Amino acid sequence: MPQPSRTELNMTTTQHHTLNERTLADAWADLQAHADAGLALHADAYRLAFSDPEFLLRRETRGIRFQLEMLKPDLDQTQAGVENTVVVFGSARFPSPESAQKSLEEAQQGNDAKALAVAQRKVRNAAYYDQARLFARLVAAYSNARPAAERLFIATGGGPGIMEAANRGAHEMGAPNVGLNIALPHEQSHNPYITPELCFKFHYFALRKMHFMMRAKALVAFPGGFGTLDELFEVITLVQTGKAKPVPIILFGSNYWKRLLNLDVLIEEGAISPDDVSLFQYTDDPQEAWDAIKAFYQLS
């Protein structure tokens, strides 16, 4: 019996691939038609498993959802050439200077002392927004001039505040940047400065934090709340325990962090080793933060 030629094999593979793509498209078109018609989805044993939301959202398929949240951002970043990132953490509540100034002007027109105090605090904290934006511009300016394999990409949690500032700084320099957003009970939308094809949304905090570390070459933590602390100590713990390679960990805003964290207590009580405080450093200057990263990797 004659064997098929290489050309015939390639044609068969192409036809199979096209058929497979059409089958997938048809499955999703069926779901879209239900949505467009305002029809509720009901359990359907005949629906393809991977296009069955009820099935995919069952408790028993949680492991599959873990895998998908791991795989999708990884493949998309690899395809976009994002292999090395500088991660910027910080409060979602620190506004841009423009927004803070507007809030102050509105508060000054009223007689509410509490509202005025809040607006004044926003103006004060907006300085961190500007500094995060400038830091990202420094990273992006360096990376834009480097070969693709040597570039460092700004990555944030994708939300407003400090995260927006860092994405904005990279965007202003024409540099691709990453946002790893999270679905929250009170919806946090992504900021407009993230490169669209690098804007991801997570359900699981654990998978999101894993993606922060997978490509991170440095972490810069600006002042923030519980979320920032969670992310910061996750990284410090991974480095301390040897689960992650040492990376520069920079706490931006020395007055804020030293008031918040009295780590000498941990040393005094023997909860950490004195050398553990060398895992991170403080700074108040965007250029100094960037210089520390360059020095760590001996970048020119």
Protein backbone atom coordinates (compact mmCIF):
# COMPACT_ATOMS: atom_id res chain seq x y z
CA MET A 1 0.00 0.00 0.00
CA PRO A 2 1.55 3.33 -1.01
CA GLN A 3 2.51 5.66 1.84
CA PRO A 4 1.13 9.24 1.78
CA SER A 5 3.60 11.87 0.68
CA ARG A 6 4.84 14.64 3.00
CA THR A 7 2.63 17.11 1.11
CA GLU A 8 -0.44 14.94 1.64
CA LEU A 9 0.39 14.56 5.35
CA ASN A 10 0.75 18.34 5.70
CA MET A 11 -2.58 18.88 3.92
CA THR A 12 -4.28 16.38 6.25
CA THR A 13 -2.79 18.06 9.32
CA THR A 14 -3.89 21.49 8.08
CA GLN A 15 -7.41 20.25 7.36
CA HIS A 16 -7.62 18.65 10.82
CA HIS A 17 -6.36 21.86 12.45
CA THR A 18 -8.91 23.94 10.52
CA LEU A 19 -11.70 21.53 11.45
CA ASN A 20 -10.64 21.64 15.09
CA GLU A 21 -10.61 25.45 15.09
CA ARG A 22 -14.09 25.51 13.50
CA THR A 23 -15.41 23.07 16.11
CA LEU A 24 -14.08 25.27 18.90
CA ALA A 25 -15.50 28.38 17.28
CA ASP A 26 -18.89 26.71 16.88
CA ALA A 27 -18.93 25.72 20.55
CA TRP A 28 -18.28 29.25 21.72
CA ALA A 29 -20.66 30.71 19.11
CA ASP A 30 -23.40 28.58 20.64
CA LEU A 31 -22.74 30.07 24.07
CA GLN A 32 -22.59 33.58 22.64
CA ALA A 33 -25.94 33.06 20.91
CA HIS A 34 -27.48 32.15 24.26
CA ALA A 35 -26.04 35.31 25.84
CA ASP A 36 -27.17 37.53 22.96
CA ALA A 37 -30.69 36.13 23.19
CA GLY A 38 -30.77 36.64 26.96
CA LEU A 39 -31.21 32.91 27.53
CA ALA A 40 -29.99 31.38 30.77
CA LEU A 41 -27.56 28.51 30.47
CA HIS A 42 -28.69 25.18 31.84
CA ALA A 43 -26.79 22.00 32.48
CA ASP A 44 -26.28 20.23 29.16
CA ALA A 45 -24.59 16.86 29.06
CA TYR A 46 -24.14 17.14 25.30
CA ARG A 47 -22.21 20.41 25.43
CA LEU A 48 -18.45 20.07 24.89
CA ALA A 49 -16.78 19.97 28.31
CA PHE A 50 -14.40 22.87 27.69
CA SER A 51 -17.27 25.11 26.54
CA ASP A 52 -19.51 24.23 29.47
CA PRO A 53 -19.33 27.00 32.11
CA GLU A 54 -21.42 25.06 34.63
CA PHE A 55 -18.97 22.20 34.41
CA LEU A 56 -15.85 24.37 34.55
CA LEU A 57 -17.14 26.25 37.60
CA ARG A 58 -17.86 23.16 39.65
CA ARG A 59 -15.93 22.60 42.86
CA GLU A 60 -14.43 19.42 41.40
CA THR A 61 -12.88 21.26 38.44
CA ARG A 62 -11.03 23.81 40.58
CA GLY A 63 -7.72 22.12 39.72
CA ILE A 64 -8.41 22.71 36.02
CA ARG A 65 -9.08 26.38 36.71
CA PHE A 66 -5.76 26.58 38.58
CA GLN A 67 -4.02 25.17 35.52
CA LEU A 68 -5.73 27.61 33.18
CA GLU A 69 -4.83 30.63 35.32
CA MET A 70 -1.26 29.38 35.37
CA LEU A 71 -1.07 28.68 31.65
CA LYS A 72 -2.84 31.59 29.95
CA PRO A 73 -0.69 34.49 31.27
CA ASP A 74 2.46 32.41 30.90
CA LEU A 75 1.86 31.63 27.23
CA ASP A 76 0.78 35.16 26.37
CA GLN A 77 3.78 36.76 28.07
CA THR A 78 6.16 34.33 26.41
CA GLN A 79 4.62 35.09 23.04
CA ALA A 80 5.06 38.82 23.69
CA GLY A 81 8.73 38.35 24.65
CA VAL A 82 8.20 39.20 28.32
CA GLU A 83 10.72 37.12 30.25
CA ASN A 84 12.07 39.56 32.86
CA THR A 85 10.00 42.00 34.90
CA VAL A 86 10.41 44.66 37.54
CA VAL A 87 7.39 44.34 39.79
CA VAL A 88 5.92 47.45 41.39
CA PHE A 89 3.54 47.06 44.33
CA GLY A 90 1.68 49.83 46.14
CA SER A 91 -1.64 51.23 47.25
CA ALA A 92 -4.61 51.36 44.91
CA ARG A 93 -5.86 54.32 46.96
CA PHE A 94 -3.08 56.84 46.26
CA PRO A 95 -4.39 59.07 43.47
CA SER A 96 -2.62 60.94 40.71
CA PRO A 97 -1.61 64.53 41.56
CA GLU A 98 -4.26 65.82 39.15
CA SER A 99 -7.02 63.85 40.84
CA ALA A 100 -5.77 64.75 44.32
CA GLN A 101 -5.66 68.46 43.48
CA LYS A 102 -9.21 68.33 42.14
CA SER A 103 -10.40 66.67 45.37
CA LEU A 104 -8.65 69.34 47.42
CA GLU A 105 -10.25 72.18 45.48
CA GLU A 106 -13.69 70.62 45.95
CA ALA A 107 -13.10 70.13 49.67
CA GLN A 108 -11.92 73.71 50.11
CA GLN A 109 -15.24 74.94 48.77
CA GLY A 110 -17.15 73.20 51.57
CA ASN A 111 -17.19 73.42 55.35
CA ASP A 112 -16.40 69.78 56.10
CA ALA A 113 -13.15 69.63 58.09
CA LYS A 114 -12.95 65.83 57.77
CA ALA A 115 -13.31 65.96 53.98
CA LEU A 116 -10.63 68.64 53.83
CA ALA A 117 -8.25 66.53 55.91
CA VAL A 118 -8.82 63.54 53.63
CA ALA A 119 -8.20 65.67 50.54
CA GLN A 120 -4.98 67.04 52.02
CA ARG A 121 -3.81 63.49 52.75
CA LYS A 122 -4.54 62.54 49.15
CA VAL A 123 -2.37 65.40 47.93
CA ARG A 124 0.44 64.28 50.21
CA ASN A 125 0.24 60.65 49.10
CA ALA A 126 -0.03 61.63 45.43
CA ALA A 127 3.71 62.30 45.58
CA TYR A 128 4.22 58.53 45.63
CA TYR A 129 2.19 58.26 42.42
CA ASP A 130 4.59 60.67 40.71
CA GLN A 131 7.63 58.80 42.02
CA ALA A 132 6.31 55.41 40.86
CA ARG A 133 5.62 56.90 37.46
CA LEU A 134 9.15 58.31 37.23
CA PHE A 135 10.70 55.04 38.37
CA ALA A 136 8.86 53.14 35.64
CA ARG A 137 10.02 55.66 33.05
CA LEU A 138 13.64 55.01 34.08
CA VAL A 139 13.21 51.25 33.69
CA ALA A 140 11.43 51.64 30.35
CA ALA A 141 14.02 54.08 28.97
CA TYR A 142 16.78 51.58 29.73
CA SER A 143 14.89 48.63 28.29
CA ASN A 144 13.86 50.41 25.10
CA ALA A 145 17.53 50.71 24.18
CA ARG A 146 18.40 47.07 24.88
CA PRO A 147 18.10 43.93 22.74
CA ALA A 148 14.81 42.10 23.22
CA ALA A 149 16.32 39.37 25.42
CA GLU A 150 17.75 41.94 27.85
CA ARG A 151 14.65 44.06 28.38
CA LEU A 152 12.97 44.53 31.73
CA PHE A 153 9.22 45.05 31.71
CA ILE A 154 7.23 46.86 34.36
CA ALA A 155 4.62 44.60 35.96
CA THR A 156 1.97 45.65 38.47
CA GLY A 157 -1.26 44.43 40.01
CA GLY A 158 -3.05 46.21 37.19
CA GLY A 159 -5.31 48.42 39.30
CA PRO A 160 -5.44 52.14 40.10
CA GLY A 161 -3.16 54.21 42.33
CA ILE A 162 0.52 53.24 42.47
CA MET A 163 -0.10 50.40 40.03
CA GLU A 164 -1.56 52.80 37.50
CA ALA A 165 1.36 55.17 38.00
CA ALA A 166 3.94 52.51 37.14
CA ASN A 167 2.03 51.24 34.11
CA ARG A 168 1.57 54.85 33.04
CA GLY A 169 5.27 55.64 33.26
CA ALA A 170 6.17 52.67 31.05
CA HIS A 171 3.35 53.46 28.64
CA GLU A 172 4.54 57.04 28.26
CA MET A 173 7.91 55.72 27.15
CA GLY A 174 6.29 53.47 24.56
CA ALA A 175 7.27 50.33 26.47
CA PRO A 176 5.02 47.26 26.79
CA ASN A 177 3.98 46.66 30.40
CA VAL A 178 2.10 44.00 32.34
CA GLY A 179 -0.96 44.14 34.59
CA LEU A 180 -1.98 41.18 36.75
CA ASN A 181 -5.40 42.17 38.00
CA ILE A 182 -7.63 40.33 40.45
CA ALA A 183 -11.41 39.87 40.57
CA LEU A 184 -12.64 41.29 43.88
CA PRO A 185 -16.08 41.55 45.53
CA HIS A 186 -15.89 45.30 44.96
CA GLU A 187 -14.75 45.21 41.35
CA GLN A 188 -11.26 46.53 40.66
CA SER A 189 -11.01 47.46 37.01
CA HIS A 190 -7.71 47.51 35.18
CA ASN A 191 -6.04 50.84 34.56
CA PRO A 192 -5.87 52.21 30.99
CA TYR A 193 -2.08 52.20 30.65
CA ILE A 194 -1.50 48.44 30.57
CA THR A 195 -0.55 46.94 27.22
CA PRO A 196 -3.88 45.31 26.18
CA GLU A 197 -2.43 41.91 25.29
CA LEU A 198 -0.58 41.86 28.65
CA CYS A 199 -3.59 42.75 30.79
CA PHE A 200 -4.65 39.66 32.74
CA LYS A 201 -7.40 39.00 35.25
CA PHE A 202 -7.13 36.39 38.00
CA HIS A 203 -9.59 34.73 40.35
CA TYR A 204 -6.99 33.10 42.59
CA PHE A 205 -4.58 35.24 44.60
CA ALA A 206 -2.12 32.34 44.79
CA LEU A 207 -1.80 32.02 41.02
CA ARG A 208 -1.52 35.79 40.63
CA LYS A 209 1.32 35.95 43.17
CA MET A 210 3.06 33.06 41.47
CA HIS A 211 3.00 34.99 38.20
CA PHE A 212 4.48 38.03 39.93
CA MET A 213 7.48 35.94 40.98
CA MET A 214 7.92 33.79 37.87
CA ARG A 215 9.55 36.61 35.88
CA ALA A 216 10.49 39.10 38.60
CA LYS A 217 14.05 40.38 38.58
CA ALA A 218 13.28 43.04 41.20
CA LEU A 219 10.49 44.17 43.48
CA VAL A 220 9.80 47.79 44.39
CA ALA A 221 7.15 48.17 47.09
CA PHE A 222 5.64 51.62 47.46
CA PRO A 223 3.45 52.45 50.48
CA GLY A 224 0.30 50.37 50.56
CA GLY A 225 -2.13 48.43 52.69
CA PHE A 226 -2.90 44.79 53.42
CA GLY A 227 -2.56 43.70 49.78
CA THR A 228 0.85 45.33 49.41
CA LEU A 229 2.03 43.81 52.69
CA ASP A 230 0.79 40.38 51.64
CA GLU A 231 2.65 40.57 48.34
CA LEU A 232 5.79 42.03 49.92
CA PHE A 233 6.13 39.41 52.65
CA GLU A 234 5.36 36.62 50.19
CA VAL A 235 8.43 37.64 48.19
CA ILE A 236 10.63 38.18 51.25
CA THR A 237 9.66 34.75 52.59
CA LEU A 238 10.37 33.01 49.29
CA VAL A 239 13.82 34.59 49.10
CA GLN A 240 14.56 34.01 52.79
CA THR A 241 13.71 30.31 52.52
CA GLY A 242 15.53 29.80 49.24
CA LYS A 243 12.34 29.02 47.32
CA ALA A 244 13.14 31.95 45.01
CA LYS A 245 16.42 33.36 43.78
CA PRO A 246 17.65 36.53 45.51
CA VAL A 247 16.32 39.67 43.84
CA PRO A 248 16.52 43.33 44.82
CA ILE A 249 13.64 44.12 47.19
CA ILE A 250 13.26 47.86 47.61
CA LEU A 251 10.91 49.57 50.04
CA PHE A 252 10.16 52.99 48.59
CA GLY A 253 9.25 55.62 51.19
CA SER A 254 11.52 55.03 54.18
CA ASN A 255 9.45 57.11 56.60
CA TYR A 256 6.30 55.15 55.79
CA TRP A 257 7.89 51.71 56.00
CA LYS A 258 9.97 52.37 59.12
CA ARG A 259 6.91 53.68 60.94
CA LEU A 260 4.88 50.67 59.83
CA LEU A 261 7.42 47.87 60.32
CA ASN A 262 9.43 47.56 63.51
CA LEU A 263 11.48 44.60 62.38
CA ASP A 264 13.97 45.03 65.23
CA VAL A 265 11.35 43.31 67.40
CA LEU A 266 11.66 40.17 65.25
CA ILE A 267 15.44 40.18 65.71
CA GLU A 268 15.19 40.83 69.46
CA GLU A 269 12.76 37.94 69.88
CA GLY A 270 14.80 35.60 67.68
CA ALA A 271 12.01 35.26 65.12
CA ILE A 272 14.37 36.19 62.28
CA SER A 273 18.15 36.34 61.92
CA PRO A 274 19.89 39.72 61.94
CA ASP A 275 21.05 39.03 58.37
CA ASP A 276 17.44 38.74 57.18
CA VAL A 277 16.98 42.51 57.21
CA SER A 278 19.60 42.68 54.46
CA LEU A 279 17.08 41.04 52.11
CA PHE A 280 15.62 44.48 51.40
CA GLN A 281 16.61 48.14 51.39
CA TYR A 282 14.93 51.51 51.76
CA THR A 283 14.95 54.43 49.37
CA ASP A 284 13.14 57.69 48.72
CA ASP A 285 14.43 58.39 45.24
CA PRO A 286 13.36 56.75 41.94
CA GLN A 287 16.85 57.02 40.46
CA GLU A 288 18.38 55.44 43.56
CA ALA A 289 15.91 52.55 43.33
CA TRP A 290 16.80 51.98 39.68
CA ASP A 291 20.53 52.30 40.40
CA ALA A 292 20.22 49.60 43.08
CA ILE A 293 18.69 47.21 40.57
CA LYS A 294 21.34 48.01 37.97
CA ALA A 295 24.10 47.48 40.54
CA PHE A 296 22.65 44.12 41.61
CA TYR A 297 22.76 42.82 38.03
CA GLN A 298 25.78 44.87 36.96
CA LEU A 299 23.81 46.53 34.19
CA SER A 300 25.53 49.22 32.18
